Amino acid sequence: MIVMLRGQIIEREADLDKASAAVVIDVGGVGYRLTVTPRTMAALPAAGEAMVHVHHHFWEADQKLYGFESKEERIAFEGLLAAHK
């Protein structure tokens, strides 16, 4: 399971209609697309290396990476997911 990524931000995708956005981080030549909140997007550096805490979420036929500025935000997100079960 992926819990943290450190690498170069190579792309930012802002979604103005929703409360989320995405970034692509290059880690050793592999690009990872992470869905992030606007707060996390604003906290990430405009250029250079970034470190993001990750929740790797699996569904029946899909998977998605969620990125967070801090470990505490990731833990809170996982708590919300656990409450849904």
Protein backbone atom coordinates (compact mmCIF):
# COMPACT_ATOMS: atom_id res chain seq x y z
CA MET A 1 0.00 0.00 0.00
CA ILE A 2 1.28 3.47 -0.86
CA VAL A 3 1.32 5.83 2.17
CA MET A 4 3.77 8.56 1.10
CA LEU A 5 5.31 9.91 -2.10
CA ARG A 6 8.24 12.28 -2.54
CA GLY A 7 9.10 13.66 -5.96
CA GLN A 8 8.78 16.46 -8.48
CA ILE A 9 5.37 17.98 -9.16
CA ILE A 10 5.02 17.87 -12.93
CA GLU A 11 1.35 18.74 -13.39
CA ARG A 12 -1.49 20.48 -11.53
CA GLU A 13 -5.15 20.01 -12.42
CA ALA A 14 -7.58 22.45 -10.82
CA ASP A 15 -11.27 21.53 -10.80
CA LEU A 16 -13.16 24.77 -10.27
CA ASP A 17 -16.61 23.10 -10.10
CA LYS A 18 -15.71 20.63 -7.33
CA ALA A 19 -13.91 20.76 -4.01
CA SER A 20 -10.95 18.79 -5.28
CA ALA A 21 -8.02 19.03 -7.63
CA ALA A 22 -5.19 16.75 -8.71
CA VAL A 23 -1.43 16.77 -9.01
CA VAL A 24 0.96 14.45 -10.82
CA ILE A 25 4.17 13.68 -8.96
CA ASP A 26 7.14 12.11 -10.73
CA VAL A 27 8.83 9.62 -8.40
CA GLY A 28 11.82 7.98 -10.03
CA GLY A 29 10.36 8.27 -13.52
CA VAL A 30 6.87 7.06 -12.60
CA GLY A 31 4.03 9.61 -12.56
CA TYR A 32 1.45 9.25 -9.79
CA ARG A 33 -1.84 11.17 -10.07
CA LEU A 34 -3.20 12.21 -6.67
CA THR A 35 -6.58 13.73 -5.92
CA VAL A 36 -6.02 16.55 -3.41
CA THR A 37 -8.08 19.16 -1.59
CA PRO A 38 -7.68 22.82 -2.53
CA ARG A 39 -5.89 23.32 0.82
CA THR A 40 -3.30 20.67 0.01
CA MET A 41 -2.90 22.05 -3.52
CA ALA A 42 -2.18 25.51 -2.09
CA ALA A 43 0.34 24.10 0.39
CA LEU A 44 2.37 22.28 -2.27
CA PRO A 45 5.33 24.15 -3.76
CA ALA A 46 4.88 25.65 -7.22
CA ALA A 47 8.06 23.91 -8.37
CA GLY A 48 10.59 21.49 -6.99
CA GLU A 49 10.29 18.50 -4.73
CA ALA A 50 7.19 17.78 -2.69
CA MET A 51 6.25 15.14 -0.14
CA VAL A 52 2.62 14.04 0.13
CA HIS A 53 0.91 11.65 2.53
CA VAL A 54 -1.21 9.21 0.56
CA HIS A 55 -4.31 7.10 1.05
CA HIS A 56 -4.49 4.34 -1.58
CA HIS A 57 -8.20 3.59 -1.94
CA PHE A 58 -9.49 0.40 -3.59
CA TRP A 59 -12.98 -0.23 -4.94
CA GLU A 60 -14.28 -3.37 -6.61
CA ALA A 61 -12.99 -2.44 -10.07
CA ASP A 62 -11.07 0.78 -9.45
CA GLN A 63 -8.42 2.41 -7.31
CA LYS A 64 -7.44 6.00 -6.56
CA LEU A 65 -4.69 7.86 -4.73
CA TYR A 66 -5.63 10.72 -2.38
CA GLY A 67 -2.89 13.12 -1.32
CA PHE A 68 -2.71 15.14 1.91
CA GLU A 69 -0.40 17.82 3.23
CA SER A 70 -0.07 16.10 6.61
CA LYS A 71 -0.30 12.66 8.14
CA GLU A 72 -3.04 13.93 10.48
CA GLU A 73 -5.23 14.94 7.51
CA ARG A 74 -4.76 11.49 5.98
CA ILE A 75 -5.71 9.81 9.28
CA ALA A 76 -8.83 11.98 9.58
CA PHE A 77 -9.83 11.05 6.01
CA GLU A 78 -9.36 7.35 6.77
CA GLY A 79 -11.47 7.79 9.91
CA LEU A 80 -14.30 9.18 7.79
CA LEU A 81 -14.03 6.26 5.40
CA ALA A 82 -14.13 3.77 8.30
CA ALA A 83 -17.26 5.44 9.73
CA HIS A 84 -19.02 4.80 6.43
CA LYS A 85 -18.59 1.00 6.68
